[in-house]
Amino acid sequence: IGLVLLAIGAVVYGVERLLGARAGQLPGDLVIRSDGWRIYAPLGTALLISLALTVLLNLIFWLWRR
């Protein structure tokens, strides 16, 4: 489990480095700022990652069953 989490972290870090400042700023990502604090809820990013993982895992399982 630790190696999987490490791999996921490396992928997220790599994608963030490639996209630069645009990472985490999709439509649907909520940011609430006030004096000295910030709340960030990456709803759009979470939906995009969920969709990508669903497609990827379905493709892998489909190829595995063949």
PDB file of N, CA and C in Angstrom:
ATOM      1  N   ILE A   1       0.832  -1.185   0.000  1.00  0.00           N
ATOM      2  CA  ILE A   1       0.000   0.000   0.000  1.00  0.00           C
ATOM      3  C   ILE A   1       0.874   1.245   0.000  1.00  0.00           C
ATOM      4  N   GLY A   2       1.954   1.193   0.741  1.00  0.00           N
ATOM      5  CA  GLY A   2       2.863   2.333   0.801  1.00  0.00           C
ATOM      6  C   GLY A   2       3.484   2.655  -0.548  1.00  0.00           C
ATOM      7  N   LEU A   3       3.864   1.613  -1.289  1.00  0.00           N
ATOM      8  CA  LEU A   3       4.450   1.845  -2.610  1.00  0.00           C
ATOM      9  C   LEU A   3       3.425   2.431  -3.582  1.00  0.00           C
ATOM     10  N   VAL A   4       2.178   2.004  -3.467  1.00  0.00           N
ATOM     11  CA  VAL A   4       1.123   2.557  -4.326  1.00  0.00           C
ATOM     12  C   VAL A   4       0.917   4.032  -4.011  1.00  0.00           C
ATOM     13  N   LEU A   5       0.867   4.373  -2.731  1.00  0.00           N
ATOM     14  CA  LEU A   5       0.716   5.774  -2.346  1.00  0.00           C
ATOM     15  C   LEU A   5       1.908   6.615  -2.788  1.00  0.00           C
ATOM     16  N   LEU A   6       3.089   6.052  -2.704  1.00  0.00           N
ATOM     17  CA  LEU A   6       4.283   6.742  -3.163  1.00  0.00           C
ATOM     18  C   LEU A   6       4.219   6.996  -4.667  1.00  0.00           C
ATOM     19  N   ALA A   7       3.779   5.990  -5.418  1.00  0.00           N
ATOM     20  CA  ALA A   7       3.658   6.141  -6.870  1.00  0.00           C
ATOM     21  C   ALA A   7       2.615   7.191  -7.222  1.00  0.00           C
ATOM     22  N   ILE A   8       1.485   7.188  -6.527  1.00  0.00           N
ATOM     23  CA  ILE A   8       0.448   8.188  -6.785  1.00  0.00           C
ATOM     24  C   ILE A   8       0.972   9.590  -6.485  1.00  0.00           C
ATOM     25  N   GLY A   9       1.681   9.731  -5.394  1.00  0.00           N
ATOM     26  CA  GLY A   9       2.271  11.022  -5.044  1.00  0.00           C
ATOM     27  C   GLY A   9       3.272  11.496  -6.087  1.00  0.00           C
ATOM     28  N   ALA A  10       4.072  10.572  -6.607  1.00  0.00           N
ATOM     29  CA  ALA A  10       5.043  10.935  -7.639  1.00  0.00           C
ATOM     30  C   ALA A  10       4.349  11.373  -8.926  1.00  0.00           C
ATOM     31  N   VAL A  11       3.276  10.689  -9.288  1.00  0.00           N
ATOM     32  CA  VAL A  11       2.528  11.060 -10.491  1.00  0.00           C
ATOM     33  C   VAL A  11       1.892  12.435 -10.315  1.00  0.00           C
ATOM     34  N   VAL A  12       1.271  12.666  -9.169  1.00  0.00           N
ATOM     35  CA  VAL A  12       0.646  13.966  -8.918  1.00  0.00           C
ATOM     36  C   VAL A  12       1.697  15.074  -8.941  1.00  0.00           C
ATOM     37  N   TYR A  13       2.833  14.829  -8.318  1.00  0.00           N
ATOM     38  CA  TYR A  13       3.915  15.821  -8.316  1.00  0.00           C
ATOM     39  C   TYR A  13       4.410  16.092  -9.728  1.00  0.00           C
ATOM     40  N   GLY A  14       4.576  15.027 -10.520  1.00  0.00           N
ATOM     41  CA  GLY A  14       5.046  15.197 -11.894  1.00  0.00           C
ATOM     42  C   GLY A  14       4.060  15.958 -12.756  1.00  0.00           C
ATOM     43  N   VAL A  15       2.780  15.642 -12.619  1.00  0.00           N
ATOM     44  CA  VAL A  15       1.758  16.342 -13.396  1.00  0.00           C
ATOM     45  C   VAL A  15       1.702  17.805 -12.987  1.00  0.00           C
ATOM     46  N   GLU A  16       1.808  18.065 -11.704  1.00  0.00           N
ATOM     47  CA  GLU A  16       1.789  19.443 -11.229  1.00  0.00           C
ATOM     48  C   GLU A  16       2.982  20.226 -11.771  1.00  0.00           C
ATOM     49  N   ARG A  17       4.134  19.590 -11.823  1.00  0.00           N
ATOM     50  CA  ARG A  17       5.324  20.259 -12.364  1.00  0.00           C
ATOM     51  C   ARG A  17       5.159  20.539 -13.859  1.00  0.00           C
ATOM     52  N   LEU A  18       4.541  19.601 -14.581  1.00  0.00           N
ATOM     53  CA  LEU A  18       4.329  19.796 -16.014  1.00  0.00           C
ATOM     54  C   LEU A  18       3.312  20.892 -16.299  1.00  0.00           C
ATOM     55  N   LEU A  19       2.245  20.945 -15.522  1.00  0.00           N
ATOM     56  CA  LEU A  19       1.187  21.919 -15.760  1.00  0.00           C
ATOM     57  C   LEU A  19       1.479  23.272 -15.131  1.00  0.00           C
ATOM     58  N   GLY A  20       2.388  23.308 -14.194  1.00  0.00           N
ATOM     59  CA  GLY A  20       2.747  24.569 -13.551  1.00  0.00           C
ATOM     60  C   GLY A  20       1.624  25.112 -12.689  1.00  0.00           C
ATOM     61  N   ALA A  21       1.339  26.381 -12.833  1.00  0.00           N
ATOM     62  CA  ALA A  21       0.342  27.047 -11.990  1.00  0.00           C
ATOM     63  C   ALA A  21      -1.079  26.625 -12.323  1.00  0.00           C
ATOM     64  N   ARG A  22      -1.291  26.001 -13.473  1.00  0.00           N
ATOM     65  CA  ARG A  22      -2.644  25.620 -13.866  1.00  0.00           C
ATOM     66  C   ARG A  22      -3.167  24.417 -13.099  1.00  0.00           C
ATOM     67  N   ALA A  23      -2.301  23.660 -12.471  1.00  0.00           N
ATOM     68  CA  ALA A  23      -2.732  22.461 -11.740  1.00  0.00           C
ATOM     69  C   ALA A  23      -3.614  22.859 -10.563  1.00  0.00           C
ATOM     70  N   GLY A  24      -4.755  22.217 -10.429  1.00  0.00           N
ATOM     71  CA  GLY A  24      -5.659  22.494  -9.328  1.00  0.00           C
ATOM     72  C   GLY A  24      -6.498  23.734  -9.506  1.00  0.00           C
ATOM     73  N   GLN A  25      -6.564  24.274 -10.716  1.00  0.00           N
ATOM     74  CA  GLN A  25      -7.358  25.465 -10.955  1.00  0.00           C
ATOM     75  C   GLN A  25      -8.397  25.202 -12.033  1.00  0.00           C
ATOM     76  N   LEU A  26      -9.030  24.069 -11.966  1.00  0.00           N
ATOM     77  CA  LEU A  26     -10.064  23.725 -12.928  1.00  0.00           C
ATOM     78  C   LEU A  26     -11.381  24.379 -12.518  1.00  0.00           C
ATOM     79  N   PRO A  27     -12.299  24.532 -13.487  1.00  0.00           N
ATOM     80  CA  PRO A  27     -13.635  24.997 -13.104  1.00  0.00           C
ATOM     81  C   PRO A  27     -14.253  23.992 -12.119  1.00  0.00           C
ATOM     82  N   GLY A  28     -14.837  24.467 -11.095  1.00  0.00           N
ATOM     83  CA  GLY A  28     -15.398  23.594 -10.067  1.00  0.00           C
ATOM     84  C   GLY A  28     -14.520  23.492  -8.834  1.00  0.00           C
ATOM     85  N   ASP A  29     -13.267  23.903  -8.922  1.00  0.00           N
ATOM     86  CA  ASP A  29     -12.399  23.946  -7.743  1.00  0.00           C
ATOM     87  C   ASP A  29     -12.764  25.186  -6.933  1.00  0.00           C
ATOM     88  N   LEU A  30     -13.082  24.985  -5.681  1.00  0.00           N
ATOM     89  CA  LEU A  30     -13.527  26.082  -4.828  1.00  0.00           C
ATOM     90  C   LEU A  30     -12.399  26.557  -3.930  1.00  0.00           C
ATOM     91  N   VAL A  31     -12.196  27.867  -3.887  1.00  0.00           N
ATOM     92  CA  VAL A  31     -11.208  28.474  -2.996  1.00  0.00           C
ATOM     93  C   VAL A  31     -11.906  29.612  -2.259  1.00  0.00           C
ATOM     94  N   ILE A  32     -11.874  29.545  -0.937  1.00  0.00           N
ATOM     95  CA  ILE A  32     -12.442  30.599  -0.104  1.00  0.00           C
ATOM     96  C   ILE A  32     -11.293  31.199   0.692  1.00  0.00           C
ATOM     97  N   ARG A  33     -11.053  32.484   0.501  1.00  0.00           N
ATOM     98  CA  ARG A  33      -9.945  33.165   1.181  1.00  0.00           C
ATOM     99  C   ARG A  33     -10.492  34.236   2.119  1.00  0.00           C
ATOM    100  N   SER A  34      -9.815  34.404   3.234  1.00  0.00           N
ATOM    101  CA  SER A  34     -10.128  35.472   4.169  1.00  0.00           C
ATOM    102  C   SER A  34      -8.817  35.887   4.835  1.00  0.00           C
ATOM    103  N   ASP A  35      -8.914  36.716   5.824  1.00  0.00           N
ATOM    104  CA  ASP A  35      -7.710  37.211   6.502  1.00  0.00           C
ATOM    105  C   ASP A  35      -6.950  36.076   7.175  1.00  0.00           C
ATOM    106  N   GLY A  36      -5.825  35.701   6.615  1.00  0.00           N
ATOM    107  CA  GLY A  36      -4.944  34.741   7.244  1.00  0.00           C
ATOM    108  C   GLY A  36      -5.297  33.271   7.059  1.00  0.00           C
ATOM    109  N   TRP A  37      -6.341  32.945   6.309  1.00  0.00           N
ATOM    110  CA  TRP A  37      -6.664  31.537   6.102  1.00  0.00           C
ATOM    111  C   TRP A  37      -7.258  31.330   4.724  1.00  0.00           C
ATOM    112  N   ARG A  38      -7.240  30.074   4.304  1.00  0.00           N
ATOM    113  CA  ARG A  38      -7.754  29.705   2.989  1.00  0.00           C
ATOM    114  C   ARG A  38      -8.334  28.298   3.059  1.00  0.00           C
ATOM    115  N   ILE A  39      -9.487  28.108   2.449  1.00  0.00           N
ATOM    116  CA  ILE A  39     -10.101  26.784   2.323  1.00  0.00           C
ATOM    117  C   ILE A  39     -10.112  26.443   0.849  1.00  0.00           C
ATOM    118  N   TYR A  40      -9.577  25.276   0.518  1.00  0.00           N
ATOM    119  CA  TYR A  40      -9.487  24.836  -0.866  1.00  0.00           C
ATOM    120  C   TYR A  40     -10.184  23.498  -1.009  1.00  0.00           C
ATOM    121  N   ALA A  41     -11.181  23.427  -1.899  1.00  0.00           N
ATOM    122  CA  ALA A  41     -11.913  22.189  -2.158  1.00  0.00           C
ATOM    123  C   ALA A  41     -11.820  21.886  -3.652  1.00  0.00           C
ATOM    124  N   PRO A  42     -10.906  20.989  -4.054  1.00  0.00           N
ATOM    125  CA  PRO A  42     -10.670  20.719  -5.480  1.00  0.00           C
ATOM    126  C   PRO A  42     -11.706  19.766  -6.081  1.00  0.00           C
ATOM    127  N   LEU A  43     -12.957  20.188  -6.170  1.00  0.00           N
ATOM    128  CA  LEU A  43     -14.019  19.316  -6.663  1.00  0.00           C
ATOM    129  C   LEU A  43     -13.843  18.984  -8.144  1.00  0.00           C
ATOM    130  N   GLY A  44     -13.529  19.984  -8.962  1.00  0.00           N
ATOM    131  CA  GLY A  44     -13.324  19.744 -10.391  1.00  0.00           C
ATOM    132  C   GLY A  44     -12.138  18.828 -10.653  1.00  0.00           C
ATOM    133  N   THR A  45     -11.057  19.046  -9.935  1.00  0.00           N
ATOM    134  CA  THR A  45      -9.874  18.200 -10.076  1.00  0.00           C
ATOM    135  C   THR A  45     -10.177  16.769  -9.643  1.00  0.00           C
ATOM    136  N   ALA A  46     -10.910  16.614  -8.550  1.00  0.00           N
ATOM    137  CA  ALA A  46     -11.263  15.272  -8.067  1.00  0.00           C
ATOM    138  C   ALA A  46     -12.123  14.532  -9.087  1.00  0.00           C
ATOM    139  N   LEU A  47     -13.077  15.234  -9.703  1.00  0.00           N
ATOM    140  CA  LEU A  47     -13.910  14.603 -10.724  1.00  0.00           C
ATOM    141  C   LEU A  47     -13.087  14.177 -11.936  1.00  0.00           C
ATOM    142  N   LEU A  48     -12.153  15.021 -12.353  1.00  0.00           N
ATOM    143  CA  LEU A  48     -11.310  14.693 -13.498  1.00  0.00           C
ATOM    144  C   LEU A  48     -10.415  13.495 -13.201  1.00  0.00           C
ATOM    145  N   ILE A  49      -9.819  13.456 -12.027  1.00  0.00           N
ATOM    146  CA  ILE A  49      -8.969  12.325 -11.645  1.00  0.00           C
ATOM    147  C   ILE A  49      -9.795  11.050 -11.539  1.00  0.00           C
ATOM    148  N   SER A  50     -10.989  11.151 -10.988  1.00  0.00           N
ATOM    149  CA  SER A  50     -11.869   9.989 -10.869  1.00  0.00           C
ATOM    150  C   SER A  50     -12.239   9.450 -12.245  1.00  0.00           C
ATOM    151  N   LEU A  51     -12.569  10.324 -13.165  1.00  0.00           N
ATOM    152  CA  LEU A  51     -12.912   9.903 -14.523  1.00  0.00           C
ATOM    153  C   LEU A  51     -11.724   9.236 -15.206  1.00  0.00           C
ATOM    154  N   ALA A  52     -10.550   9.844 -15.084  1.00  0.00           N
ATOM    155  CA  ALA A  52      -9.358   9.283 -15.718  1.00  0.00           C
ATOM    156  C   ALA A  52      -9.012   7.912 -15.140  1.00  0.00           C
ATOM    157  N   LEU A  53      -9.083   7.755 -13.825  1.00  0.00           N
ATOM    158  CA  LEU A  53      -8.784   6.463 -13.208  1.00  0.00           C
ATOM    159  C   LEU A  53      -9.825   5.414 -13.560  1.00  0.00           C
ATOM    160  N   THR A  54     -11.088   5.806 -13.660  1.00  0.00           N
ATOM    161  CA  THR A  54     -12.141   4.867 -14.046  1.00  0.00           C
ATOM    162  C   THR A  54     -11.899   4.335 -15.448  1.00  0.00           C
ATOM    163  N   VAL A  55     -11.598   5.233 -16.369  1.00  0.00           N
ATOM    164  CA  VAL A  55     -11.328   4.806 -17.746  1.00  0.00           C
ATOM    165  C   VAL A  55     -10.088   3.929 -17.800  1.00  0.00           C
ATOM    166  N   LEU A  56      -9.018   4.333 -17.125  1.00  0.00           N
ATOM    167  CA  LEU A  56      -7.775   3.575 -17.140  1.00  0.00           C
ATOM    168  C   LEU A  56      -7.957   2.182 -16.541  1.00  0.00           C
ATOM    169  N   LEU A  57      -8.596   2.095 -15.384  1.00  0.00           N
ATOM    170  CA  LEU A  57      -8.773   0.793 -14.744  1.00  0.00           C
ATOM    171  C   LEU A  57      -9.720  -0.108 -15.533  1.00  0.00           C
ATOM    172  N   ASN A  58     -10.777   0.462 -16.112  1.00  0.00           N
ATOM    173  CA  ASN A  58     -11.659  -0.347 -16.953  1.00  0.00           C
ATOM    174  C   ASN A  58     -10.920  -0.877 -18.175  1.00  0.00           C
ATOM    175  N   LEU A  59     -10.052  -0.078 -18.760  1.00  0.00           N
ATOM    176  CA  LEU A  59      -9.247  -0.523 -19.895  1.00  0.00           C
ATOM    177  C   LEU A  59      -8.295  -1.642 -19.483  1.00  0.00           C
ATOM    178  N   ILE A  60      -7.650  -1.478 -18.336  1.00  0.00           N
ATOM    179  CA  ILE A  60      -6.724  -2.508 -17.855  1.00  0.00           C
ATOM    180  C   ILE A  60      -7.466  -3.811 -17.584  1.00  0.00           C
ATOM    181  N   PHE A  61      -8.607  -3.742 -16.882  1.00  0.00           N
ATOM    182  CA  PHE A  61      -9.360  -4.960 -16.578  1.00  0.00           C
ATOM    183  C   PHE A  61      -9.929  -5.601 -17.843  1.00  0.00           C
ATOM    184  N   TRP A  62     -10.333  -4.776 -18.824  1.00  0.00           N
ATOM    185  CA  TRP A  62     -10.850  -5.295 -20.074  1.00  0.00           C
ATOM    186  C   TRP A  62      -9.738  -6.050 -20.834  1.00  0.00           C
ATOM    187  N   LEU A  63      -8.536  -5.473 -20.857  1.00  0.00           N
ATOM    188  CA  LEU A  63      -7.420  -6.137 -21.527  1.00  0.00           C
ATOM    189  C   LEU A  63      -6.996  -7.390 -20.783  1.00  0.00           C
ATOM    190  N   TRP A  64      -7.104  -7.382 -19.460  1.00  0.00           N
ATOM    191  CA  TRP A  64      -6.700  -8.531 -18.663  1.00  0.00           C
ATOM    192  C   TRP A  64      -7.633  -9.720 -18.904  1.00  0.00           C
ATOM    193  N   ARG A  65      -8.929  -9.468 -19.096  1.00  0.00           N
ATOM    194  CA  ARG A  65      -9.905 -10.538 -19.304  1.00  0.00           C
ATOM    195  C   ARG A  65      -9.825 -11.154 -20.688  1.00  0.00           C
ATOM    196  N   ARG A  66      -9.196 -10.491 -21.639  1.00  0.00           N
ATOM    197  CA  ARG A  66      -9.139 -11.004 -23.007  1.00  0.00           C
ATOM    198  C   ARG A  66      -8.227 -12.156 -23.119  1.00  0.00           C
TER     199      ARG A  66
END
